[in-house]
Amino acid sequence: MLKQGTIVDATLIHAPSSTKNAQGERDPDMHQTRKGNQWYFGMKAHIGVDAQSGLVHHVAGTAGNVADVTMVDQLLHGEEVDVFGDAAFTGVHKRAEHQSRAVRWWIAMRPGQRKVLTDSADDRQIQLVETVKAKIRAKVEHPFRVIKQQFGYLKTRYRGLKKNTAQLMTLFGLANIWLARKALLAGI
């Protein structure tokens, strides 16, 4: 089912910040991170999604303070021609682990760079390319919606990254079934 492109993204999963436990401390595997002006405590779920079907093929769980761009190598299956990502993946093509990859990187512009574009013909062309990239990248948000809204997975259930990552893999596997349910039922 895997085609020629992968979309990569990550989402924050909150962890209980309570210290009411035997050790009297928060989960040591989870970390605090800032998104915008809001602080979060928890983990990140990084996924690689097939650009054609929208199904998840790779999942990785890390502490909340791990940068998205550092996880790209673990989210690619190796047969990609195109890789899509949001502005958090800026500069991914310069990283040493991707120098030997023969892929086209389609990374979104940072909002500040896009805001300064004018109405010139060149800038309108750039805006059009950014719109097309955003339409393709929208597929990566669907599995996140399924696990957070359909399955109600808004907070981690266990202490430690290992158990929570195992649960994420199960949830994303089920999310693939949820997303492909119409195609699966049509094949019966």
Protein backbone atom coordinates (compact mmCIF):
# COMPACT_ATOMS: atom_id res chain seq x y z
CA MET A 1 0.00 0.00 0.00
CA LEU A 2 2.94 2.35 0.50
CA LYS A 3 3.34 4.75 -2.37
CA GLN A 4 6.03 7.25 -3.21
CA GLY A 5 5.58 9.95 -0.58
CA THR A 6 5.58 10.35 3.17
CA ILE A 7 4.15 13.11 5.34
CA VAL A 8 5.77 13.57 8.75
CA ASP A 9 4.36 15.34 11.79
CA ALA A 10 4.15 15.17 15.58
CA THR A 11 1.60 15.94 18.26
CA LEU A 12 1.83 16.52 21.98
CA ILE A 13 0.20 14.03 24.33
CA HIS A 14 -0.30 15.39 27.83
CA ALA A 15 0.92 13.49 30.87
CA PRO A 16 -0.41 13.91 34.39
CA SER A 17 1.74 16.48 36.17
CA SER A 18 0.64 15.20 39.57
CA THR A 19 3.23 14.27 42.17
CA LYS A 20 0.81 12.22 44.26
CA ASN A 21 2.61 8.89 43.92
CA ALA A 22 5.02 6.76 45.91
CA GLN A 23 8.10 8.62 44.63
CA GLY A 24 6.53 12.07 45.01
CA GLU A 25 7.63 13.16 41.54
CA ARG A 26 6.33 13.58 38.01
CA ASP A 27 7.05 10.97 35.35
CA PRO A 28 10.82 11.27 34.67
CA ASP A 29 10.44 10.15 31.02
CA MET A 30 8.07 13.00 30.18
CA HIS A 31 9.30 16.56 29.73
CA GLN A 32 7.98 20.07 29.53
CA THR A 33 7.87 21.96 26.25
CA ARG A 34 6.48 25.21 24.96
CA LYS A 35 4.22 25.59 21.93
CA GLY A 36 3.54 29.22 21.22
CA ASN A 37 3.15 30.82 24.63
CA GLN A 38 1.62 27.72 26.23
CA TRP A 39 3.63 25.20 28.26
CA TYR A 40 2.86 21.46 28.08
CA PHE A 41 4.09 18.48 30.08
CA GLY A 42 4.09 15.11 28.38
CA MET A 43 5.33 13.23 25.34
CA LYS A 44 5.29 13.60 21.57
CA ALA A 45 3.87 11.13 19.10
CA HIS A 46 5.81 11.35 15.82
CA ILE A 47 4.27 9.67 12.77
CA GLY A 48 5.09 9.00 9.14
CA VAL A 49 1.98 8.84 6.93
CA ASP A 50 1.67 7.64 3.35
CA ALA A 51 0.95 10.69 1.18
CA GLN A 52 -1.46 8.77 -1.07
CA SER A 53 -3.59 6.75 1.34
CA GLY A 54 -3.17 8.75 4.55
CA LEU A 55 -2.34 5.61 6.55
CA VAL A 56 0.34 5.61 9.25
CA HIS A 57 3.40 3.48 8.51
CA HIS A 58 5.82 4.59 11.27
CA VAL A 59 5.27 5.71 14.88
CA ALA A 60 7.79 6.96 17.43
CA GLY A 61 7.20 8.23 20.95
CA THR A 62 9.60 10.67 22.61
CA ALA A 63 9.71 13.09 25.49
CA GLY A 64 7.88 16.36 24.87
CA ASN A 65 11.03 18.42 24.46
CA VAL A 66 12.47 16.45 21.50
CA ALA A 67 12.58 18.49 18.29
CA ASP A 68 10.47 17.15 15.42
CA VAL A 69 13.30 17.47 12.88
CA THR A 70 15.50 15.01 14.81
CA MET A 71 12.99 12.16 14.38
CA VAL A 72 12.53 12.26 10.59
CA ASP A 73 15.05 9.48 9.98
CA GLN A 74 12.93 7.05 12.03
CA LEU A 75 9.69 8.01 10.24
CA LEU A 76 10.70 7.28 6.64
CA HIS A 77 10.40 3.83 5.04
CA GLY A 78 13.19 4.40 2.52
CA GLU A 79 11.24 4.18 -0.73
CA GLU A 80 10.05 7.81 -0.73
CA VAL A 81 10.47 10.17 -3.61
CA ASP A 82 8.75 13.09 -1.82
CA VAL A 83 8.68 14.00 1.88
CA PHE A 84 6.24 16.60 3.21
CA GLY A 85 6.42 18.40 6.55
CA ASP A 86 5.36 21.54 8.34
CA ALA A 87 7.65 24.42 9.33
CA ALA A 88 9.01 22.45 12.32
CA PHE A 89 11.04 20.41 9.81
CA THR A 90 12.86 23.39 8.29
CA GLY A 91 16.47 22.47 7.50
CA VAL A 92 15.89 18.71 7.51
CA HIS A 93 17.67 18.34 4.16
CA LYS A 94 20.89 19.73 5.72
CA ARG A 95 21.10 17.05 8.42
CA ALA A 96 23.86 14.45 8.04
CA GLU A 97 21.54 11.43 8.16
CA HIS A 98 19.66 12.65 5.06
CA GLN A 99 22.60 13.58 2.81
CA SER A 100 22.47 10.23 0.99
CA ARG A 101 18.68 10.32 0.45
CA ALA A 102 17.45 11.06 -3.06
CA VAL A 103 14.15 12.66 -2.07
CA ARG A 104 12.45 15.97 -2.71
CA TRP A 105 11.76 17.82 0.55
CA TRP A 106 8.48 19.76 0.58
CA ILE A 107 8.71 21.69 3.85
CA ALA A 108 6.29 24.53 4.62
CA MET A 109 7.51 28.10 4.98
CA ARG A 110 7.52 29.62 8.43
CA PRO A 111 4.46 31.83 9.01
CA GLY A 112 6.62 34.93 9.37
CA GLN A 113 8.22 34.36 5.97
CA ARG A 114 4.87 33.77 4.34
CA LYS A 115 3.39 36.90 5.88
CA VAL A 116 5.91 39.18 4.15
CA LEU A 117 5.07 37.92 0.65
CA THR A 118 3.67 40.60 -1.66
CA ASP A 119 1.26 40.56 -4.60
CA SER A 120 4.03 40.18 -7.17
CA ALA A 121 3.81 37.36 -9.69
CA ASP A 122 6.68 35.45 -8.06
CA ASP A 123 5.16 35.73 -4.59
CA ARG A 124 1.74 34.60 -5.87
CA GLN A 125 3.46 31.53 -7.32
CA ILE A 126 5.10 30.85 -3.94
CA GLN A 127 1.70 31.23 -2.22
CA LEU A 128 0.19 28.73 -4.65
CA VAL A 129 2.96 26.20 -3.97
CA GLU A 130 2.48 26.65 -0.20
CA THR A 131 -1.27 26.08 -0.58
CA VAL A 132 -0.69 22.84 -2.50
CA LYS A 133 1.80 21.66 0.16
CA ALA A 134 -0.74 22.44 2.90
CA LYS A 135 -3.47 20.44 1.13
CA ILE A 136 -1.20 17.40 0.89
CA ARG A 137 0.03 17.78 4.50
CA ALA A 138 -3.56 17.90 5.79
CA LYS A 139 -3.74 14.08 5.56
CA VAL A 140 -1.27 13.72 8.43
CA GLU A 141 -3.72 15.37 10.83
CA HIS A 142 -6.44 12.74 10.30
CA PRO A 143 -4.81 9.94 12.34
CA PHE A 144 -4.21 12.45 15.16
CA ARG A 145 -7.89 13.38 15.09
CA VAL A 146 -8.93 9.75 15.24
CA ILE A 147 -6.83 8.86 18.28
CA LYS A 148 -7.64 12.08 20.13
CA GLN A 149 -11.32 12.57 19.24
CA GLN A 150 -12.66 9.14 18.27
CA PHE A 151 -10.60 7.14 20.78
CA GLY A 152 -10.31 9.85 23.46
CA TYR A 153 -6.55 9.50 23.93
CA LEU A 154 -5.76 12.97 25.26
CA LYS A 155 -3.50 11.99 28.17
CA THR A 156 -0.95 9.26 28.68
CA ARG A 157 -2.22 6.28 30.63
CA TYR A 158 1.03 4.86 31.99
CA ARG A 159 4.32 5.99 33.49
CA GLY A 160 7.26 5.84 31.11
CA LEU A 161 7.73 6.19 27.37
CA LYS A 162 7.96 2.48 26.60
CA LYS A 163 4.42 1.57 27.64
CA ASN A 164 2.91 4.76 26.25
CA THR A 165 4.68 4.29 22.89
CA ALA A 166 3.38 0.71 22.73
CA GLN A 167 -0.13 2.00 23.31
CA LEU A 168 0.39 4.67 20.61
CA MET A 169 1.40 1.99 18.11
CA THR A 170 -1.77 0.06 18.88
CA LEU A 171 -3.92 3.19 18.61
CA PHE A 172 -2.40 4.24 15.28
CA GLY A 173 -2.88 0.69 13.95
CA LEU A 174 -6.54 0.92 14.92
CA ALA A 175 -6.70 4.42 13.44
CA ASN A 176 -5.52 2.96 10.11
CA ILE A 177 -8.44 0.52 10.22
CA TRP A 178 -10.80 3.37 11.10
CA LEU A 179 -9.53 5.53 8.24
CA ALA A 180 -9.66 2.69 5.71
CA ARG A 181 -12.97 1.21 6.93
CA LYS A 182 -14.95 2.15 3.81
CA ALA A 183 -12.37 0.63 1.47
CA LEU A 184 -12.15 -2.47 3.67
CA LEU A 185 -15.92 -2.91 3.72
CA ALA A 186 -16.14 -2.44 -0.04
CA GLY A 187 -13.74 -5.36 -0.49
CA ILE A 188 -15.96 -7.79 1.46
